[in-house]
């Protein structure tokens, strides 16, 4: 599987580290809602199809990326910097 880093171009999966699901929303840190915190920490969806994920180019420029990957075919639909640079927008 190849992931296209906005800085380095297409690179092998071995250079990247999976950082987690990019669709989850963290509860308010001041919240005492134990069910919301339980769901955030333990309840993990297992989607089939395109899914947003965080990855890090650990073996390269170390950038954090937002990747849309099909969980059935592992096809990469898009990549972008997880946090766009101050000078510009996202890279697709």
N, C-alpha and C. Protein backbone atom coordinates (compact mmCIF):
# COMPACT_ATOMS: atom_id res chain seq x y z
N UNK A 1 0.85 -1.17 0.00
CA UNK A 1 0.00 0.00 0.00
C UNK A 1 0.90 1.23 0.00
N UNK A 2 0.59 2.20 -0.85
CA UNK A 2 1.32 3.45 -0.92
C UNK A 2 0.46 4.57 -0.34
N UNK A 3 1.10 5.41 0.48
CA UNK A 3 0.44 6.60 1.02
C UNK A 3 1.20 7.80 0.48
N UNK A 4 0.48 8.75 -0.06
CA UNK A 4 1.10 9.93 -0.64
C UNK A 4 1.24 11.02 0.42
N UNK A 5 2.47 11.26 0.85
CA UNK A 5 2.75 12.31 1.81
C UNK A 5 2.77 13.65 1.07
N UNK A 6 2.09 14.68 1.59
CA UNK A 6 2.09 15.98 0.92
C UNK A 6 3.50 16.58 0.77
N UNK A 7 4.42 16.21 1.64
CA UNK A 7 5.79 16.74 1.57
C UNK A 7 6.72 15.85 0.76
N UNK A 8 6.59 14.53 0.88
CA UNK A 8 7.57 13.59 0.33
C UNK A 8 7.09 12.82 -0.89
N UNK A 9 5.80 12.88 -1.21
CA UNK A 9 5.26 12.12 -2.33
C UNK A 9 4.86 10.72 -1.90
N UNK A 10 4.56 9.84 -2.86
CA UNK A 10 4.12 8.47 -2.55
C UNK A 10 5.22 7.68 -1.84
N UNK A 11 4.85 7.04 -0.73
CA UNK A 11 5.79 6.25 0.05
C UNK A 11 5.11 4.96 0.49
N UNK A 12 5.93 3.94 0.76
CA UNK A 12 5.43 2.65 1.21
C UNK A 12 4.82 2.75 2.61
N UNK A 13 3.84 1.94 2.88
CA UNK A 13 3.17 1.89 4.17
C UNK A 13 4.15 1.73 5.33
N UNK A 14 5.27 1.03 5.11
CA UNK A 14 6.24 0.77 6.18
C UNK A 14 6.80 2.06 6.79
N UNK A 15 6.73 3.18 6.06
CA UNK A 15 7.25 4.45 6.58
C UNK A 15 6.24 5.17 7.48
N UNK A 16 5.01 4.65 7.59
CA UNK A 16 3.94 5.34 8.30
C UNK A 16 3.52 4.59 9.54
N UNK A 17 2.98 5.34 10.48
CA UNK A 17 2.45 4.78 11.72
C UNK A 17 0.99 5.20 11.85
N UNK A 18 0.10 4.21 12.05
CA UNK A 18 -1.32 4.49 12.22
C UNK A 18 -1.53 5.19 13.55
N UNK A 19 -2.27 6.29 13.55
CA UNK A 19 -2.47 7.09 14.75
C UNK A 19 -3.91 7.07 15.28
N UNK A 20 -4.83 6.43 14.55
CA UNK A 20 -6.18 6.29 15.08
C UNK A 20 -7.27 6.85 14.19
N UNK A 21 -8.48 6.65 14.67
CA UNK A 21 -9.71 7.05 13.99
C UNK A 21 -9.86 8.57 14.04
N UNK A 22 -10.07 9.20 12.89
CA UNK A 22 -10.20 10.65 12.83
C UNK A 22 -11.65 11.12 12.87
N UNK A 23 -12.58 10.21 13.12
CA UNK A 23 -13.99 10.60 13.14
C UNK A 23 -14.53 10.76 14.56
N UNK A 24 -13.77 10.34 15.56
CA UNK A 24 -14.26 10.39 16.93
C UNK A 24 -14.17 11.80 17.50
N UNK A 25 -15.13 12.15 18.34
CA UNK A 25 -15.16 13.46 19.00
C UNK A 25 -14.94 13.26 20.49
N UNK A 26 -13.92 13.93 21.01
CA UNK A 26 -13.60 13.81 22.44
C UNK A 26 -14.62 14.59 23.26
N UNK A 27 -15.10 14.01 24.37
CA UNK A 27 -16.01 14.75 25.25
C UNK A 27 -15.29 15.95 25.87
N UNK A 28 -16.06 16.89 26.35
CA UNK A 28 -15.52 18.05 27.05
C UNK A 28 -14.66 17.54 28.23
N UNK A 29 -13.42 18.00 28.36
CA UNK A 29 -12.56 17.53 29.45
C UNK A 29 -13.16 17.73 30.84
N UNK A 30 -14.04 18.71 31.00
CA UNK A 30 -14.67 18.96 32.30
C UNK A 30 -15.90 18.09 32.53
N UNK A 31 -16.28 17.32 31.51
CA UNK A 31 -17.49 16.51 31.60
C UNK A 31 -17.34 15.39 32.63
N UNK A 32 -18.40 15.14 33.37
CA UNK A 32 -18.44 14.01 34.31
C UNK A 32 -19.37 12.92 33.79
N UNK A 33 -19.75 12.99 32.52
CA UNK A 33 -20.62 12.00 31.90
C UNK A 33 -19.81 10.73 31.66
N UNK A 34 -19.93 9.76 32.56
CA UNK A 34 -19.12 8.55 32.47
C UNK A 34 -19.45 7.72 31.22
N UNK A 35 -20.70 7.76 30.77
CA UNK A 35 -21.05 7.01 29.56
C UNK A 35 -20.37 7.61 28.34
N UNK A 36 -20.31 8.94 28.25
CA UNK A 36 -19.64 9.60 27.12
C UNK A 36 -18.15 9.25 27.12
N UNK A 37 -17.51 9.27 28.29
CA UNK A 37 -16.09 8.93 28.37
C UNK A 37 -15.85 7.45 28.08
N UNK A 38 -16.74 6.59 28.56
CA UNK A 38 -16.62 5.16 28.27
C UNK A 38 -16.70 4.92 26.77
N UNK A 39 -17.68 5.54 26.12
CA UNK A 39 -17.84 5.37 24.68
C UNK A 39 -16.62 5.89 23.92
N UNK A 40 -16.07 7.03 24.35
CA UNK A 40 -14.91 7.61 23.68
C UNK A 40 -13.68 6.71 23.81
N UNK A 41 -13.48 6.14 24.97
CA UNK A 41 -12.29 5.33 25.22
C UNK A 41 -12.43 3.90 24.69
N UNK A 42 -13.59 3.28 24.87
CA UNK A 42 -13.73 1.85 24.59
C UNK A 42 -14.57 1.47 23.37
N UNK A 43 -15.58 2.25 23.01
CA UNK A 43 -16.48 1.87 21.91
C UNK A 43 -15.82 2.24 20.58
N UNK A 44 -15.46 1.24 19.82
CA UNK A 44 -14.77 1.45 18.54
C UNK A 44 -15.63 0.93 17.39
N UNK A 45 -16.01 1.81 16.48
CA UNK A 45 -16.76 1.34 15.31
C UNK A 45 -15.83 0.57 14.37
N UNK A 46 -16.40 -0.28 13.57
CA UNK A 46 -15.64 -1.04 12.60
C UNK A 46 -16.28 -0.80 11.23
N UNK A 47 -16.03 0.38 10.64
CA UNK A 47 -16.72 0.74 9.40
C UNK A 47 -16.23 -0.05 8.20
N UNK A 48 -17.11 -0.26 7.25
CA UNK A 48 -16.76 -0.89 5.98
C UNK A 48 -16.89 0.17 4.90
N UNK A 49 -15.79 0.48 4.24
CA UNK A 49 -15.79 1.50 3.19
C UNK A 49 -14.87 2.65 3.55
N UNK A 50 -15.04 3.79 2.90
CA UNK A 50 -14.15 4.93 3.16
C UNK A 50 -14.22 5.38 4.61
N UNK A 51 -13.04 5.64 5.18
CA UNK A 51 -12.94 5.98 6.60
C UNK A 51 -11.80 6.97 6.80
N UNK A 52 -12.02 7.99 7.63
CA UNK A 52 -10.98 8.99 7.93
C UNK A 52 -10.09 8.49 9.06
N UNK A 53 -8.78 8.55 8.84
CA UNK A 53 -7.82 8.06 9.82
C UNK A 53 -6.66 9.04 9.95
N UNK A 54 -6.04 9.06 11.13
CA UNK A 54 -4.80 9.81 11.32
C UNK A 54 -3.63 8.86 11.13
N UNK A 55 -2.61 9.31 10.39
CA UNK A 55 -1.37 8.58 10.19
C UNK A 55 -0.21 9.55 10.39
N UNK A 56 0.96 9.03 10.76
CA UNK A 56 2.15 9.85 10.86
C UNK A 56 3.22 9.30 9.93
N UNK A 57 3.90 10.17 9.19
CA UNK A 57 5.00 9.74 8.33
C UNK A 57 6.23 9.60 9.22
N UNK A 58 6.22 8.56 10.05
CA UNK A 58 7.25 8.35 11.07
C UNK A 58 8.62 8.07 10.47
N UNK A 59 8.68 7.44 9.31
CA UNK A 59 9.95 7.11 8.68
C UNK A 59 10.39 8.14 7.66
N UNK A 60 9.81 9.32 7.73
CA UNK A 60 10.14 10.36 6.75
C UNK A 60 10.12 11.73 7.42
N UNK A 61 9.26 12.60 6.94
CA UNK A 61 9.22 13.99 7.41
C UNK A 61 8.52 14.16 8.76
N UNK A 62 7.92 13.09 9.28
CA UNK A 62 7.24 13.06 10.58
C UNK A 62 5.93 13.86 10.61
N UNK A 63 5.42 14.23 9.44
CA UNK A 63 4.16 14.97 9.37
C UNK A 63 3.00 14.08 9.80
N UNK A 64 2.00 14.69 10.40
CA UNK A 64 0.76 14.00 10.75
C UNK A 64 -0.22 14.23 9.62
N UNK A 65 -0.84 13.15 9.16
CA UNK A 65 -1.71 13.20 7.99
C UNK A 65 -3.13 12.77 8.33
N UNK A 66 -4.07 13.31 7.58
CA UNK A 66 -5.45 12.85 7.60
C UNK A 66 -5.63 12.06 6.31
N UNK A 67 -5.91 10.77 6.43
CA UNK A 67 -6.00 9.87 5.27
C UNK A 67 -7.41 9.32 5.20
N UNK A 68 -8.00 9.35 4.01
CA UNK A 68 -9.28 8.67 3.78
C UNK A 68 -8.94 7.38 3.05
N UNK A 69 -9.18 6.25 3.76
CA UNK A 69 -8.81 4.92 3.25
C UNK A 69 -10.04 4.03 3.25
N UNK A 70 -10.21 3.26 2.19
CA UNK A 70 -11.30 2.30 2.12
C UNK A 70 -10.88 1.08 2.94
N UNK A 71 -11.64 0.77 3.98
CA UNK A 71 -11.27 -0.34 4.87
C UNK A 71 -11.48 -1.71 4.23
N UNK A 72 -12.22 -1.77 3.13
CA UNK A 72 -12.42 -3.05 2.46
C UNK A 72 -11.32 -3.35 1.44
N UNK A 73 -10.89 -2.32 0.70
CA UNK A 73 -9.92 -2.52 -0.38
C UNK A 73 -8.54 -1.94 -0.06
N UNK A 74 -8.45 -1.16 1.02
CA UNK A 74 -7.23 -0.44 1.42
C UNK A 74 -6.82 0.63 0.41
N UNK A 75 -7.71 0.99 -0.50
CA UNK A 75 -7.42 2.06 -1.46
C UNK A 75 -7.40 3.39 -0.71
N UNK A 76 -6.39 4.21 -0.99
CA UNK A 76 -6.27 5.54 -0.41
C UNK A 76 -7.01 6.52 -1.31
N UNK A 77 -8.05 7.16 -0.77
CA UNK A 77 -8.84 8.12 -1.55
C UNK A 77 -8.23 9.51 -1.51
N UNK A 78 -7.69 9.92 -0.36
CA UNK A 78 -7.08 11.24 -0.26
C UNK A 78 -6.16 11.30 0.95
N UNK A 79 -5.21 12.23 0.88
CA UNK A 79 -4.34 12.52 2.02
C UNK A 79 -4.23 14.03 2.16
N UNK A 80 -4.10 14.49 3.38
CA UNK A 80 -3.94 15.92 3.65
C UNK A 80 -3.17 16.05 4.96
N UNK A 81 -2.56 17.18 5.15
CA UNK A 81 -1.92 17.44 6.44
C UNK A 81 -3.02 17.49 7.50
N UNK A 82 -2.79 16.85 8.64
CA UNK A 82 -3.78 16.82 9.69
C UNK A 82 -4.06 18.22 10.22
N UNK A 83 -3.01 19.03 10.22
CA UNK A 83 -3.12 20.42 10.63
C UNK A 83 -2.53 21.26 9.51
N UNK A 84 -3.37 21.92 8.71
CA UNK A 84 -2.83 22.70 7.59
C UNK A 84 -1.82 23.74 8.06
N UNK A 85 -0.85 24.03 7.21
CA UNK A 85 0.17 25.02 7.55
C UNK A 85 -0.47 26.39 7.68
N UNK A 86 0.19 27.27 8.39
CA UNK A 86 -0.32 28.63 8.58
C UNK A 86 -0.35 29.41 7.27
N UNK A 87 0.55 29.05 6.35
CA UNK A 87 0.67 29.80 5.10
C UNK A 87 -0.34 29.36 4.04
N UNK A 88 -0.90 28.16 4.18
CA UNK A 88 -1.78 27.68 3.11
C UNK A 88 -2.84 26.74 3.63
N UNK A 89 -3.56 26.16 2.71
CA UNK A 89 -4.63 25.24 3.04
C UNK A 89 -4.17 23.80 3.00
N UNK A 90 -5.14 22.91 2.95
CA UNK A 90 -4.85 21.48 2.93
C UNK A 90 -4.30 21.06 1.59
N UNK A 91 -3.58 19.94 1.61
CA UNK A 91 -3.04 19.35 0.40
C UNK A 91 -3.81 18.06 0.13
N UNK A 92 -4.26 17.86 -1.08
CA UNK A 92 -5.00 16.63 -1.40
C UNK A 92 -4.20 15.75 -2.32
